[in-house]
Amino acid sequence: DGTNIVAHGRDAKKLAEAAATLGVPERVACAAGDIGERNTGEVLVRVAVERFGGVDVLVNNAGTFAPKPFVEVTEEELDHFLDGNLRGTYLTTQAVVRRMQKQGRGGAIVNIGTVLIDHAIGGFPASAPLASKGGVHALTHSLAAELAPDRIRVNMVAPGVVRTPLHAQVNVDAFGGIALLNRVGEGREIAEAVRYLVGAEFVTGHILPVDGGFVSGRA
C-alpha cells in the first residue's frame, strides 16, 4: 500500500530474512539492536529520516513473555522483562515523539499489550511480564493525554492468547477454550487491529482487546 517500514530486531540475520519476505526491498530498512538501550530508538529514527524523510507511525511490538511462578522469578528475569517490554517501549517512543513534534504533522503510536493485565489466568502464572506490560498500558493512557495537542494519537492492541514464537514452549491451543470463539488468535489478526488504529484518526487513548471474546466471556 506504499508504506515505508523501518524494521527492528535483536538478531540482524533474522531481521533481514523477515524483511525479505515483504518483497519490497526499496520500502524496507532494517536496524538491529537491543530495544532496551536508549540509542536503539535514536538509531531507528535516524534510519527512518535518512531513508524515508521522517516518522509518522510507531508500532511498539517488541517484547518478551514467558510464564513462571511468582516466587521462582529471579531479579535478573524481572529486569529482562522490564527492559524488553517497558523500558524499550518508553525510550523508543521518546525518540520517535521528539521527531514527530519537530515535524509538526502529528502521528500515530500503537503499543502492544495483553488482555491478561486485567484478566489473569490462574494456570498461566506470568507476573513478571504482566507487570512490565501493565506499565505499557498506563503509558498508553498517559501519552494519549499528553500528546493530543501535538495531534499524536496513542493507542494499544491488547491480544489474548496468540500463536507466536514467544509461546513455542507452550501448547497454546490448550487455551483456545477460554475465548468465546473457542480458539487462539493468529499473528495476522493482531496486525489487522494495529492497522486499524494507525488509520483511525478520531481514536486515541484506547485499549483494543483482540482476544476472541475472552474478556467478554469472563464478564
Protein backbone atom coordinates (compact mmCIF):
# COMPACT_ATOMS: atom_id res chain seq x y z
CA ASP A 1 0.00 0.00 0.00
CA GLY A 2 3.00 2.31 -0.35
CA THR A 3 4.02 2.26 3.30
CA ASN A 4 7.71 2.60 4.12
CA ILE A 5 8.95 0.45 7.01
CA VAL A 6 11.91 0.56 9.35
CA ALA A 7 12.05 -2.90 10.90
CA HIS A 8 13.82 -3.64 14.15
CA GLY A 9 15.05 -6.82 15.79
CA ARG A 10 17.84 -8.02 18.03
CA ASP A 11 19.21 -10.55 15.51
CA ALA A 12 20.39 -8.86 12.30
CA LYS A 13 20.24 -12.06 10.24
CA LYS A 14 16.70 -12.98 11.28
CA LEU A 15 15.64 -9.37 10.79
CA ALA A 16 16.94 -9.32 7.22
CA GLU A 17 15.21 -12.63 6.47
CA ALA A 18 11.90 -11.32 7.80
CA ALA A 19 12.22 -8.08 5.84
CA ALA A 20 12.91 -10.03 2.64
CA THR A 21 9.56 -11.81 2.92
CA LEU A 22 7.78 -8.48 2.34
CA GLY A 23 9.05 -8.42 -1.23
CA VAL A 24 9.55 -4.64 -1.41
CA PRO A 25 13.22 -4.02 -0.53
CA GLU A 26 13.04 -0.41 -1.69
CA ARG A 27 10.46 0.29 1.03
CA VAL A 28 12.09 -1.56 3.93
CA ALA A 29 15.10 -0.57 6.03
CA CYS A 30 16.48 -2.66 8.89
CA ALA A 31 18.07 -1.59 12.16
CA ALA A 32 19.22 -4.28 14.59
CA GLY A 33 19.87 -3.63 18.27
CA ASP A 34 18.78 -4.06 21.88
CA ILE A 35 15.44 -2.28 22.27
CA GLY A 36 16.14 -1.74 25.97
CA GLU A 37 19.03 0.62 25.19
CA ARG A 38 18.39 4.33 24.64
CA ASN A 39 20.42 4.65 21.46
CA THR A 40 18.37 1.97 19.68
CA GLY A 41 15.33 4.22 19.38
CA GLU A 42 17.53 7.07 18.22
CA VAL A 43 19.05 4.83 15.54
CA LEU A 44 15.59 3.81 14.33
CA VAL A 45 14.57 7.44 13.96
CA ARG A 46 17.79 8.34 12.16
CA VAL A 47 17.35 5.48 9.69
CA ALA A 48 13.73 6.49 9.04
CA VAL A 49 14.69 10.10 8.40
CA GLU A 50 17.66 9.24 6.17
CA ARG A 51 15.81 6.60 4.11
CA PHE A 52 12.25 7.91 4.04
CA GLY A 53 12.30 11.52 5.21
CA GLY A 54 10.58 11.22 8.58
CA VAL A 55 8.47 9.21 11.01
CA ASP A 56 4.66 9.16 11.03
CA VAL A 57 3.87 5.85 12.76
CA LEU A 58 5.44 3.82 15.56
CA VAL A 59 4.36 0.28 16.40
CA ASN A 60 5.89 -0.90 19.67
CA ASN A 61 5.63 -4.64 19.12
CA ALA A 62 9.00 -5.69 20.55
CA GLY A 63 8.57 -7.68 23.73
CA THR A 64 9.20 -10.84 25.64
CA PHE A 65 6.92 -13.21 27.52
CA ALA A 66 7.37 -16.42 29.49
CA PRO A 67 5.19 -17.91 32.24
CA LYS A 68 6.83 -18.71 35.57
CA PRO A 69 5.54 -18.97 39.15
CA PHE A 70 5.90 -15.70 41.05
CA VAL A 71 8.18 -16.99 43.82
CA GLU A 72 10.57 -18.52 41.29
CA VAL A 73 11.22 -15.34 39.29
CA THR A 74 14.77 -14.06 39.77
CA GLU A 75 15.81 -10.42 39.86
CA GLU A 76 17.63 -10.91 36.56
CA GLU A 77 14.49 -12.29 34.94
CA LEU A 78 12.43 -9.38 36.24
CA ASP A 79 14.96 -6.92 34.81
CA HIS A 80 14.79 -8.77 31.49
CA PHE A 81 11.03 -8.22 31.20
CA LEU A 82 11.16 -4.63 32.42
CA ASP A 83 13.90 -3.79 29.90
CA GLY A 84 12.37 -5.58 26.92
CA ASN A 85 8.74 -4.63 27.47
CA LEU A 86 8.57 -1.34 29.39
CA ARG A 87 11.94 0.40 29.14
CA GLY A 88 12.29 -0.39 25.44
CA THR A 89 8.83 0.96 24.64
CA TYR A 90 9.38 4.06 26.76
CA LEU A 91 12.76 5.00 25.29
CA THR A 92 11.87 4.22 21.69
CA THR A 93 8.69 6.26 21.98
CA GLN A 94 10.65 9.18 23.42
CA ALA A 95 12.93 9.24 20.39
CA VAL A 96 10.03 8.99 17.95
CA VAL A 97 7.88 11.62 19.68
CA ARG A 98 10.72 14.13 19.60
CA ARG A 99 10.89 13.65 15.84
CA MET A 100 7.11 13.80 15.38
CA GLN A 101 6.95 17.05 17.35
CA LYS A 102 9.72 18.50 15.22
CA GLN A 103 7.88 17.52 12.03
CA GLY A 104 4.69 19.15 13.32
CA ARG A 105 2.26 16.95 11.42
CA GLY A 106 1.03 14.62 14.15
CA GLY A 107 1.43 10.87 14.11
CA ALA A 108 0.18 7.54 15.39
CA ILE A 109 1.68 5.27 18.04
CA VAL A 110 0.36 1.76 18.65
CA ASN A 111 1.61 -0.26 21.60
CA ILE A 112 1.14 -3.98 22.08
CA GLY A 113 -0.12 -5.09 25.48
CA THR A 114 -2.24 -8.01 26.64
CA VAL A 115 -5.74 -8.61 27.98
CA LEU A 116 -4.12 -10.61 30.77
CA ILE A 117 -3.33 -7.34 32.56
CA ASP A 118 -6.92 -7.17 33.81
CA HIS A 119 -7.94 -10.80 33.34
CA ALA A 120 -5.20 -13.13 34.57
CA ILE A 121 -5.31 -16.91 34.15
CA GLY A 122 -4.62 -18.91 37.29
CA GLY A 123 -2.97 -21.76 35.43
CA PHE A 124 -0.75 -19.40 33.44
CA PRO A 125 1.41 -17.55 36.02
CA ALA A 126 3.27 -14.66 34.39
CA SER A 127 3.65 -11.91 36.99
CA ALA A 128 6.94 -10.50 35.65
CA PRO A 129 5.94 -9.97 32.01
CA LEU A 130 2.48 -8.81 33.04
CA ALA A 131 3.92 -6.26 35.48
CA SER A 132 6.03 -4.82 32.67
CA LYS A 133 3.14 -4.81 30.19
CA GLY A 134 0.94 -3.16 32.80
CA GLY A 135 3.35 -0.24 32.70
CA VAL A 136 2.87 -0.01 28.94
CA HIS A 137 -0.91 0.09 29.43
CA ALA A 138 -0.52 3.04 31.83
CA LEU A 139 1.93 4.72 29.46
CA THR A 140 -0.59 4.47 26.62
CA HIS A 141 -3.24 6.41 28.53
CA SER A 142 -0.78 8.97 29.86
CA LEU A 143 0.79 9.74 26.49
CA ALA A 144 -2.57 9.91 24.74
CA ALA A 145 -3.49 12.79 27.05
CA GLU A 146 -0.09 14.48 26.97
CA LEU A 147 0.45 14.30 23.21
CA ALA A 148 -3.06 15.09 21.98
CA PRO A 149 -2.19 18.80 21.48
CA ASP A 150 0.53 17.65 19.07
CA ARG A 151 -2.04 15.53 17.17
CA ILE A 152 -0.08 12.42 18.11
CA ARG A 153 -2.52 9.58 18.80
CA VAL A 154 -1.51 6.79 21.18
CA ASN A 155 -3.45 3.52 21.37
CA MET A 156 -2.87 -0.10 22.28
CA VAL A 157 -3.80 -3.50 20.93
CA ALA A 158 -4.31 -5.98 23.78
CA PRO A 159 -4.15 -9.52 22.40
CA GLY A 160 -5.46 -12.59 24.12
CA VAL A 161 -3.56 -15.85 23.67
CA VAL A 162 -1.96 -15.76 20.22
CA ARG A 163 0.07 -18.33 18.34
CA THR A 164 3.57 -16.79 18.21
CA PRO A 165 7.18 -17.96 18.63
CA LEU A 166 7.06 -16.48 22.15
CA HIS A 167 4.81 -19.38 23.12
CA ALA A 168 6.84 -22.06 21.35
CA GLN A 169 7.31 -23.99 24.60
CA VAL A 170 3.59 -23.93 25.44
CA ASN A 171 0.66 -25.74 23.83
CA VAL A 172 -1.28 -22.56 23.11
CA ASP A 173 -4.21 -24.42 21.56
CA ALA A 174 -4.95 -25.79 25.01
CA PHE A 175 -6.04 -22.25 25.94
CA GLY A 176 -8.43 -21.88 22.99
CA GLY A 177 -11.41 -22.74 25.16
CA ILE A 178 -11.07 -19.59 27.28
CA ALA A 179 -12.22 -17.47 24.32
CA LEU A 180 -15.82 -17.27 23.16
CA LEU A 181 -14.62 -18.14 19.65
CA ASN A 182 -13.04 -21.31 21.07
CA ARG A 183 -9.61 -20.82 19.53
CA VAL A 184 -6.40 -18.85 19.95
CA GLY A 185 -5.54 -15.84 17.83
CA GLU A 186 -3.16 -15.63 14.88
CA GLY A 187 -0.49 -13.01 14.27
CA ARG A 188 -2.21 -11.58 11.20
CA GLU A 189 -5.29 -10.79 13.29
CA ILE A 190 -3.20 -8.65 15.61
CA ALA A 191 -1.64 -6.92 12.60
CA GLU A 192 -5.10 -6.09 11.25
CA ALA A 193 -6.03 -4.41 14.54
CA VAL A 194 -2.80 -2.42 14.52
CA ARG A 195 -3.51 -1.24 11.01
CA TYR A 196 -6.97 -0.08 12.04
CA LEU A 197 -5.62 2.00 14.94
CA VAL A 198 -2.92 3.53 12.76
CA GLY A 199 -5.60 4.91 10.44
CA ALA A 200 -8.33 5.70 12.99
CA GLU A 201 -7.92 9.46 13.16
CA PHE A 202 -10.55 10.04 15.87
CA VAL A 203 -9.31 7.33 18.24
CA THR A 204 -6.71 7.89 20.96
CA GLY A 205 -6.12 6.53 24.45
CA HIS A 206 -7.95 3.33 23.53
CA ILE A 207 -7.05 -0.21 24.60
CA LEU A 208 -8.42 -2.55 21.92
CA PRO A 209 -8.84 -6.18 23.04
CA VAL A 210 -8.23 -8.68 20.26
CA ASP A 211 -8.96 -11.80 22.23
CA GLY A 212 -11.67 -13.89 20.59
CA GLY A 213 -14.13 -12.76 23.26
CA PHE A 214 -12.01 -13.81 26.24
CA VAL A 215 -12.77 -10.65 28.24
CA SER A 216 -16.49 -10.69 27.39
CA GLY A 217 -16.75 -14.34 28.32
CA ARG A 218 -15.38 -13.62 31.79
CA ALA A 219 -17.53 -10.55 32.45
